[in-house]
Amino acid sequence: MFPTYIIIVAAGSGTRFGADIPKQFLPLAGKPVVMRAIERLQSARPEAEIILVISESEQPRWEELCREQDFKSPMIVFGGATRWESVKNGLEAIPTDANPNSIVLIHDGARPLVDSNTVSRVCAATLNTDGAIPAVEVTDSLRRLDEDGYASEPVDRSEYRAVQTPQGFKLWRLRQAYSLPYDASFTDDASVLAEAGFTNICLVKGSPDNIKITHPRDIAIAEAILDFTTE
């Protein structure tokens, strides 16, 4: 198996969440959300080197949380104004002489319940493709808005999937893709890779438990999931 690096992006301000503290630092069953994500990924890939991307202004808060939890922080890198810039900064922290075929996983720090099976599927699929994305079926009915934003039409939900993280890629492809200038169309790492010509990106089975903390109620949902899972 090639070396593995994991970039955890946790530099967002969490404005949609509506709290004074960025959501990735809020407590989830006694531990910060991003700390639980780190522990899950460490358990899934103990050999991996983890790079945590946070806002420079949040470094004192993170250091205090680590002291309170007696938690050893992974390498810290400061994020940028966009998720793209934060990932790029994390990528630049990987040694220049690292094996170009190393696997790099990029994970949202607001997804604290990622499981080992999902991580394993992503890593395995990354070996023979341009990249791998965990995804789950869409269970709600969907409608497509017209250009006016009012009229809509139904679409077949079986043709759609909800995308999760971690997304996995070979190091050399990521470096080539992130050498491109920023574009507002870059919604995730796979879209950056596609712009660089790496379009053979496969979907692997994700997990419905791998939720993203976006709204305050999601903390309660995540705690309920923790009560019913053993990982």
C-alpha atoms as a PDB file:
ATOM      1  CA  MET A   1       0.000   0.000   0.000  1.00  0.00           C
ATOM      2  CA  PHE A   2       1.250   3.471  -0.843  1.00  0.00           C
ATOM      3  CA  PRO A   3       1.726   6.107   1.895  1.00  0.00           C
ATOM      4  CA  THR A   4      -1.445   7.909   2.928  1.00  0.00           C
ATOM      5  CA  TYR A   5      -1.988  11.531   3.826  1.00  0.00           C
ATOM      6  CA  ILE A   6      -5.261  12.914   5.171  1.00  0.00           C
ATOM      7  CA  ILE A   7      -6.100  16.602   4.865  1.00  0.00           C
ATOM      8  CA  ILE A   8      -8.913  17.615   7.213  1.00  0.00           C
ATOM      9  CA  VAL A   9     -10.399  20.946   6.220  1.00  0.00           C
ATOM     10  CA  ALA A  10     -11.744  22.793   9.272  1.00  0.00           C
ATOM     11  CA  ALA A  11     -11.055  26.456   8.518  1.00  0.00           C
ATOM     12  CA  GLY A  12     -14.633  27.562   7.867  1.00  0.00           C
ATOM     13  CA  SER A  13     -16.388  30.208   9.920  1.00  0.00           C
ATOM     14  CA  GLY A  14     -19.651  28.242  10.106  1.00  0.00           C
ATOM     15  CA  THR A  15     -21.830  31.304   9.451  1.00  0.00           C
ATOM     16  CA  ARG A  16     -24.799  29.173   8.370  1.00  0.00           C
ATOM     17  CA  PHE A  17     -24.712  27.394  11.709  1.00  0.00           C
ATOM     18  CA  GLY A  18     -25.432  30.615  13.582  1.00  0.00           C
ATOM     19  CA  ALA A  19     -23.217  30.011  16.626  1.00  0.00           C
ATOM     20  CA  ASP A  20     -20.480  32.193  18.100  1.00  0.00           C
ATOM     21  CA  ILE A  21     -18.057  29.276  17.792  1.00  0.00           C
ATOM     22  CA  PRO A  22     -17.330  27.637  14.414  1.00  0.00           C
ATOM     23  CA  LYS A  23     -19.296  24.394  14.258  1.00  0.00           C
ATOM     24  CA  GLN A  24     -16.194  22.206  13.930  1.00  0.00           C
ATOM     25  CA  PHE A  25     -15.170  23.189  17.479  1.00  0.00           C
ATOM     26  CA  LEU A  26     -18.559  22.706  19.119  1.00  0.00           C
ATOM     27  CA  PRO A  27     -18.926  19.760  21.530  1.00  0.00           C
ATOM     28  CA  LEU A  28     -20.368  16.523  20.212  1.00  0.00           C
ATOM     29  CA  ALA A  29     -21.011  14.099  23.070  1.00  0.00           C
ATOM     30  CA  GLY A  30     -18.216  15.724  25.067  1.00  0.00           C
ATOM     31  CA  LYS A  31     -15.611  16.221  22.338  1.00  0.00           C
ATOM     32  CA  PRO A  32     -15.219  18.845  19.606  1.00  0.00           C
ATOM     33  CA  VAL A  33     -16.716  17.851  16.265  1.00  0.00           C
ATOM     34  CA  VAL A  34     -13.407  17.975  14.401  1.00  0.00           C
ATOM     35  CA  MET A  35     -11.642  16.020  17.149  1.00  0.00           C
ATOM     36  CA  ARG A  36     -14.092  13.171  16.636  1.00  0.00           C
ATOM     37  CA  ALA A  37     -13.399  13.301  12.886  1.00  0.00           C
ATOM     38  CA  ILE A  38      -9.660  13.073  13.565  1.00  0.00           C
ATOM     39  CA  GLU A  39     -10.119  10.090  15.889  1.00  0.00           C
ATOM     40  CA  ARG A  40     -12.286   8.265  13.348  1.00  0.00           C
ATOM     41  CA  LEU A  41      -9.710   8.756  10.600  1.00  0.00           C
ATOM     42  CA  GLN A  42      -6.826   7.783  12.862  1.00  0.00           C
ATOM     43  CA  SER A  43      -8.670   4.577  13.681  1.00  0.00           C
ATOM     44  CA  ALA A  44      -9.379   3.883  10.005  1.00  0.00           C
ATOM     45  CA  ARG A  45      -5.827   4.622   8.816  1.00  0.00           C
ATOM     46  CA  PRO A  46      -3.387   4.520  11.772  1.00  0.00           C
ATOM     47  CA  GLU A  47      -0.407   4.781   9.427  1.00  0.00           C
ATOM     48  CA  ALA A  48      -1.614   7.974   7.731  1.00  0.00           C
ATOM     49  CA  GLU A  49      -0.157  11.397   8.351  1.00  0.00           C
ATOM     50  CA  ILE A  50      -2.956  13.816   9.147  1.00  0.00           C
ATOM     51  CA  ILE A  51      -2.844  17.515   8.282  1.00  0.00           C
ATOM     52  CA  LEU A  52      -5.428  19.683  10.019  1.00  0.00           C
ATOM     53  CA  VAL A  53      -6.315  22.929   8.253  1.00  0.00           C
ATOM     54  CA  ILE A  54      -7.787  25.585  10.553  1.00  0.00           C
ATOM     55  CA  SER A  55      -8.136  29.345  10.567  1.00  0.00           C
ATOM     56  CA  GLU A  56      -5.117  31.092  12.069  1.00  0.00           C
ATOM     57  CA  SER A  57      -7.431  33.019  14.391  1.00  0.00           C
ATOM     58  CA  GLU A  58      -8.771  29.731  15.785  1.00  0.00           C
ATOM     59  CA  GLN A  59      -5.392  28.269  16.707  1.00  0.00           C
ATOM     60  CA  PRO A  60      -5.603  29.406  20.385  1.00  0.00           C
ATOM     61  CA  ARG A  61      -9.065  27.880  20.711  1.00  0.00           C
ATOM     62  CA  TRP A  62      -7.889  24.588  19.201  1.00  0.00           C
ATOM     63  CA  GLU A  63      -4.830  24.440  21.445  1.00  0.00           C
ATOM     64  CA  GLU A  64      -7.012  25.030  24.508  1.00  0.00           C
ATOM     65  CA  LEU A  65      -9.437  22.297  23.430  1.00  0.00           C
ATOM     66  CA  CYS A  66      -6.520  19.893  22.994  1.00  0.00           C
ATOM     67  CA  ARG A  67      -5.279  20.683  26.502  1.00  0.00           C
ATOM     68  CA  GLU A  68      -8.747  20.155  27.959  1.00  0.00           C
ATOM     69  CA  GLN A  69      -9.130  16.798  26.211  1.00  0.00           C
ATOM     70  CA  ASP A  70      -5.485  15.717  26.659  1.00  0.00           C
ATOM     71  CA  PHE A  71      -5.451  15.310  22.889  1.00  0.00           C
ATOM     72  CA  LYS A  72      -2.375  15.355  20.665  1.00  0.00           C
ATOM     73  CA  SER A  73      -3.072  17.518  17.655  1.00  0.00           C
ATOM     74  CA  PRO A  74      -1.930  16.476  14.202  1.00  0.00           C
ATOM     75  CA  MET A  75       0.108  18.893  12.088  1.00  0.00           C
ATOM     76  CA  ILE A  76      -1.642  22.257  11.782  1.00  0.00           C
ATOM     77  CA  VAL A  77      -1.796  24.337   8.606  1.00  0.00           C
ATOM     78  CA  PHE A  78      -3.633  27.628   8.295  1.00  0.00           C
ATOM     79  CA  GLY A  79      -6.506  27.863   5.850  1.00  0.00           C
ATOM     80  CA  GLY A  80      -7.415  30.524   3.329  1.00  0.00           C
ATOM     81  CA  ALA A  81     -10.404  32.554   2.218  1.00  0.00           C
ATOM     82  CA  THR A  82     -11.953  29.617   0.334  1.00  0.00           C
ATOM     83  CA  ARG A  83     -12.091  25.869   0.764  1.00  0.00           C
ATOM     84  CA  TRP A  84      -9.987  25.563  -2.399  1.00  0.00           C
ATOM     85  CA  GLU A  85      -7.249  27.692  -0.852  1.00  0.00           C
ATOM     86  CA  SER A  86      -7.401  25.731   2.400  1.00  0.00           C
ATOM     87  CA  VAL A  87      -6.978  22.424   0.574  1.00  0.00           C
ATOM     88  CA  LYS A  88      -4.136  23.894  -1.459  1.00  0.00           C
ATOM     89  CA  ASN A  89      -2.382  24.995   1.744  1.00  0.00           C
ATOM     90  CA  GLY A  90      -2.814  21.530   3.214  1.00  0.00           C
ATOM     91  CA  LEU A  91      -1.480  19.950   0.049  1.00  0.00           C
ATOM     92  CA  GLU A  92       1.605  22.152   0.151  1.00  0.00           C
ATOM     93  CA  ALA A  93       2.379  20.813   3.647  1.00  0.00           C
ATOM     94  CA  ILE A  94       3.022  17.351   2.201  1.00  0.00           C
ATOM     95  CA  PRO A  95       6.793  16.947   1.679  1.00  0.00           C
ATOM     96  CA  THR A  96       7.963  17.698  -1.847  1.00  0.00           C
ATOM     97  CA  ASP A  97       9.814  14.378  -1.964  1.00  0.00           C
ATOM     98  CA  ALA A  98       6.753  12.332  -0.954  1.00  0.00           C
ATOM     99  CA  ASN A  99       5.906   9.355  -3.155  1.00  0.00           C
ATOM    100  CA  PRO A 100       3.844  10.839  -6.028  1.00  0.00           C
ATOM    101  CA  ASN A 101       1.582   7.794  -5.890  1.00  0.00           C
ATOM    102  CA  SER A 102       0.713   8.426  -2.252  1.00  0.00           C
ATOM    103  CA  ILE A 103      -2.997   8.399  -1.508  1.00  0.00           C
ATOM    104  CA  VAL A 104      -4.376  11.709  -0.292  1.00  0.00           C
ATOM    105  CA  LEU A 105      -7.760  11.792   1.414  1.00  0.00           C
ATOM    106  CA  ILE A 106      -9.503  15.141   1.809  1.00  0.00           C
ATOM    107  CA  HIS A 107     -12.156  15.266   4.500  1.00  0.00           C
ATOM    108  CA  ASP A 108     -14.508  17.915   5.836  1.00  0.00           C
ATOM    109  CA  GLY A 109     -13.886  18.563   9.520  1.00  0.00           C
ATOM    110  CA  ALA A 110     -17.634  18.943   9.992  1.00  0.00           C
ATOM    111  CA  ARG A 111     -18.189  15.239   9.197  1.00  0.00           C
ATOM    112  CA  PRO A 112     -17.352  13.656  12.569  1.00  0.00           C
ATOM    113  CA  LEU A 113     -18.897  10.214  12.004  1.00  0.00           C
ATOM    114  CA  VAL A 114     -16.940   8.900   9.031  1.00  0.00           C
ATOM    115  CA  ASP A 115     -16.456   5.128   9.326  1.00  0.00           C
ATOM    116  CA  SER A 116     -13.564   2.803   8.540  1.00  0.00           C
ATOM    117  CA  ASN A 117     -15.414   0.900   5.815  1.00  0.00           C
ATOM    118  CA  THR A 118     -16.074   4.072   3.844  1.00  0.00           C
ATOM    119  CA  VAL A 119     -12.432   5.127   4.159  1.00  0.00           C
ATOM    120  CA  SER A 120     -11.259   1.679   3.000  1.00  0.00           C
ATOM    121  CA  ARG A 121     -13.530   1.755  -0.049  1.00  0.00           C
ATOM    122  CA  VAL A 122     -12.259   5.193  -1.039  1.00  0.00           C
ATOM    123  CA  CYS A 123      -8.603   4.186  -0.659  1.00  0.00           C
ATOM    124  CA  ALA A 124      -9.070   0.989  -2.675  1.00  0.00           C
ATOM    125  CA  ALA A 125     -10.867   2.756  -5.519  1.00  0.00           C
ATOM    126  CA  THR A 126      -8.238   5.496  -5.668  1.00  0.00           C
ATOM    127  CA  LEU A 127      -5.553   3.028  -6.754  1.00  0.00           C
ATOM    128  CA  ASN A 128      -6.862   2.410 -10.280  1.00  0.00           C
ATOM    129  CA  THR A 129      -8.880   5.547 -11.055  1.00  0.00           C
ATOM    130  CA  ASP A 130      -8.395   9.313 -11.159  1.00  0.00           C
ATOM    131  CA  GLY A 131     -10.153   9.552  -7.822  1.00  0.00           C
ATOM    132  CA  ALA A 132     -12.900   8.210  -5.603  1.00  0.00           C
ATOM    133  CA  ILE A 133     -15.870   9.816  -3.881  1.00  0.00           C
ATOM    134  CA  PRO A 134     -18.176   8.253  -1.283  1.00  0.00           C
ATOM    135  CA  ALA A 135     -21.828   8.844  -2.085  1.00  0.00           C
ATOM    136  CA  VAL A 136     -25.258   7.760  -0.917  1.00  0.00           C
ATOM    137  CA  GLU A 137     -28.594   7.406  -2.629  1.00  0.00           C
ATOM    138  CA  VAL A 138     -30.981  10.336  -2.512  1.00  0.00           C
ATOM    139  CA  THR A 139     -34.110   9.356  -0.581  1.00  0.00           C
ATOM    140  CA  ASP A 140     -36.173  12.523  -1.018  1.00  0.00           C
ATOM    141  CA  SER A 141     -38.043  13.363  -4.190  1.00  0.00           C
ATOM    142  CA  LEU A 142     -36.243  16.005  -6.263  1.00  0.00           C
ATOM    143  CA  ARG A 143     -37.369  18.855  -8.487  1.00  0.00           C
ATOM    144  CA  ARG A 144     -35.268  20.978 -10.868  1.00  0.00           C
ATOM    145  CA  LEU A 145     -35.841  24.740 -10.765  1.00  0.00           C
ATOM    146  CA  ASP A 146     -36.305  26.658 -13.986  1.00  0.00           C
ATOM    147  CA  GLU A 147     -34.224  29.738 -14.722  1.00  0.00           C
ATOM    148  CA  ASP A 148     -36.764  32.015 -13.055  1.00  0.00           C
ATOM    149  CA  GLY A 149     -36.335  30.104  -9.791  1.00  0.00           C
ATOM    150  CA  TYR A 150     -40.065  29.607  -9.314  1.00  0.00           C
ATOM    151  CA  ALA A 151     -41.288  26.987 -11.760  1.00  0.00           C
ATOM    152  CA  SER A 152     -39.930  23.468 -11.368  1.00  0.00           C
ATOM    153  CA  GLU A 153     -40.131  19.984 -12.782  1.00  0.00           C
ATOM    154  CA  PRO A 154     -39.635  16.560 -11.213  1.00  0.00           C
ATOM    155  CA  VAL A 155     -36.436  14.617 -11.869  1.00  0.00           C
ATOM    156  CA  ASP A 156     -35.598  10.957 -11.409  1.00  0.00           C
ATOM    157  CA  ARG A 157     -33.829  10.722  -8.046  1.00  0.00           C
ATOM    158  CA  SER A 158     -32.316   7.343  -9.024  1.00  0.00           C
ATOM    159  CA  GLU A 159     -29.990   9.287 -11.352  1.00  0.00           C
ATOM    160  CA  TYR A 160     -28.532  11.338  -8.495  1.00  0.00           C
ATOM    161  CA  ARG A 161     -26.277  10.715  -5.525  1.00  0.00           C
ATOM    162  CA  ALA A 162     -25.398  12.815  -2.494  1.00  0.00           C
ATOM    163  CA  VAL A 163     -21.635  13.260  -2.256  1.00  0.00           C
ATOM    164  CA  GLN A 164     -19.655  12.879   0.983  1.00  0.00           C
ATOM    165  CA  THR A 165     -16.028  12.963   2.099  1.00  0.00           C
ATOM    166  CA  PRO A 166     -13.276  11.842   2.326  1.00  0.00           C
ATOM    167  CA  GLN A 167     -12.529  12.118  -1.357  1.00  0.00           C
ATOM    168  CA  GLY A 168      -9.390  10.257  -2.400  1.00  0.00           C
ATOM    169  CA  PHE A 169      -6.788  10.930  -5.088  1.00  0.00           C
ATOM    170  CA  LYS A 170      -3.177  10.198  -5.960  1.00  0.00           C
ATOM    171  CA  LEU A 171      -0.801  12.919  -4.787  1.00  0.00           C
ATOM    172  CA  TRP A 172       0.598  13.728  -8.242  1.00  0.00           C
ATOM    173  CA  ARG A 173      -2.865  14.289  -9.689  1.00  0.00           C
ATOM    174  CA  LEU A 174      -3.841  16.582  -6.846  1.00  0.00           C
ATOM    175  CA  ARG A 175      -0.693  18.632  -7.204  1.00  0.00           C
ATOM    176  CA  GLN A 176      -1.259  19.035 -10.917  1.00  0.00           C
ATOM    177  CA  ALA A 177      -4.925  19.950 -10.457  1.00  0.00           C
ATOM    178  CA  TYR A 178      -4.297  22.448  -7.674  1.00  0.00           C
ATOM    179  CA  SER A 179      -1.706  24.229  -9.791  1.00  0.00           C
ATOM    180  CA  LEU A 180      -4.651  25.594 -11.793  1.00  0.00           C
ATOM    181  CA  PRO A 181      -6.006  29.036 -10.875  1.00  0.00           C
ATOM    182  CA  TYR A 182      -9.075  29.187  -8.679  1.00  0.00           C
ATOM    183  CA  ASP A 183     -12.502  29.067 -10.279  1.00  0.00           C
ATOM    184  CA  ALA A 184     -15.836  29.620  -8.567  1.00  0.00           C
ATOM    185  CA  SER A 185     -17.117  26.387 -10.147  1.00  0.00           C
ATOM    186  CA  PHE A 186     -14.845  24.342  -7.873  1.00  0.00           C
ATOM    187  CA  THR A 187     -17.440  22.962  -5.463  1.00  0.00           C
ATOM    188  CA  ASP A 188     -15.307  20.084  -4.213  1.00  0.00           C
ATOM    189  CA  ASP A 189     -11.974  18.416  -4.901  1.00  0.00           C
ATOM    190  CA  ALA A 190     -13.358  16.200  -7.651  1.00  0.00           C
ATOM    191  CA  SER A 191     -14.420  19.280  -9.615  1.00  0.00           C
ATOM    192  CA  VAL A 192     -10.855  20.606  -9.402  1.00  0.00           C
ATOM    193  CA  LEU A 193      -9.505  17.281 -10.683  1.00  0.00           C
ATOM    194  CA  ALA A 194     -12.017  17.236 -13.532  1.00  0.00           C
ATOM    195  CA  GLU A 195     -10.935  20.704 -14.638  1.00  0.00           C
ATOM    196  CA  ALA A 196      -7.380  19.333 -14.889  1.00  0.00           C
ATOM    197  CA  GLY A 197      -8.583  16.533 -17.169  1.00  0.00           C
ATOM    198  CA  PHE A 198      -8.835  13.775 -14.573  1.00  0.00           C
ATOM    199  CA  THR A 199     -12.418  12.707 -15.186  1.00  0.00           C
ATOM    200  CA  ASN A 200     -12.277   8.985 -14.349  1.00  0.00           C
ATOM    201  CA  ILE A 201     -13.572   9.617 -10.857  1.00  0.00           C
ATOM    202  CA  CYS A 202     -15.660   6.808  -9.422  1.00  0.00           C
ATOM    203  CA  LEU A 203     -18.345   6.728  -6.785  1.00  0.00           C
ATOM    204  CA  VAL A 204     -18.078   4.261  -3.915  1.00  0.00           C
ATOM    205  CA  LYS A 205     -20.618   3.390  -1.273  1.00  0.00           C
ATOM    206  CA  GLY A 206     -20.803   6.004   1.454  1.00  0.00           C
ATOM    207  CA  SER A 207     -22.666   5.842   4.742  1.00  0.00           C
ATOM    208  CA  PRO A 208     -25.920   7.520   5.781  1.00  0.00           C
ATOM    209  CA  ASP A 209     -24.309   8.079   9.192  1.00  0.00           C
ATOM    210  CA  ASN A 210     -21.515  10.175   7.650  1.00  0.00           C
ATOM    211  CA  ILE A 211     -23.522  13.371   8.039  1.00  0.00           C
ATOM    212  CA  LYS A 212     -22.199  16.912   7.773  1.00  0.00           C
ATOM    213  CA  ILE A 213     -22.841  19.231  10.699  1.00  0.00           C
ATOM    214  CA  THR A 214     -24.561  22.191   9.050  1.00  0.00           C
ATOM    215  CA  HIS A 215     -27.396  23.236  11.370  1.00  0.00           C
ATOM    216  CA  PRO A 216     -27.705  23.138  15.184  1.00  0.00           C
ATOM    217  CA  ARG A 217     -30.091  20.178  15.040  1.00  0.00           C
ATOM    218  CA  ASP A 218     -27.360  18.150  13.328  1.00  0.00           C
ATOM    219  CA  ILE A 219     -25.443  17.981  16.616  1.00  0.00           C
ATOM    220  CA  ALA A 220     -28.396  16.209  18.232  1.00  0.00           C
ATOM    221  CA  ILE A 221     -28.726  13.902  15.226  1.00  0.00           C
ATOM    222  CA  ALA A 222     -25.018  13.032  15.376  1.00  0.00           C
ATOM    223  CA  GLU A 223     -25.241  12.311  19.105  1.00  0.00           C
ATOM    224  CA  ALA A 224     -28.185   9.992  18.462  1.00  0.00           C
ATOM    225  CA  ILE A 225     -26.178   8.178  15.786  1.00  0.00           C
ATOM    226  CA  LEU A 226     -23.277   7.806  18.243  1.00  0.00           C
ATOM    227  CA  ASP A 227     -25.646   6.175  20.718  1.00  0.00           C
ATOM    228  CA  PHE A 228     -26.506   3.483  18.153  1.00  0.00           C
ATOM    229  CA  THR A 229     -23.040   2.834  16.674  1.00  0.00           C
ATOM    230  CA  THR A 230     -19.974   1.153  18.124  1.00  0.00           C
ATOM    231  CA  GLU A 231     -17.189   2.700  16.025  1.00  0.00           C
END
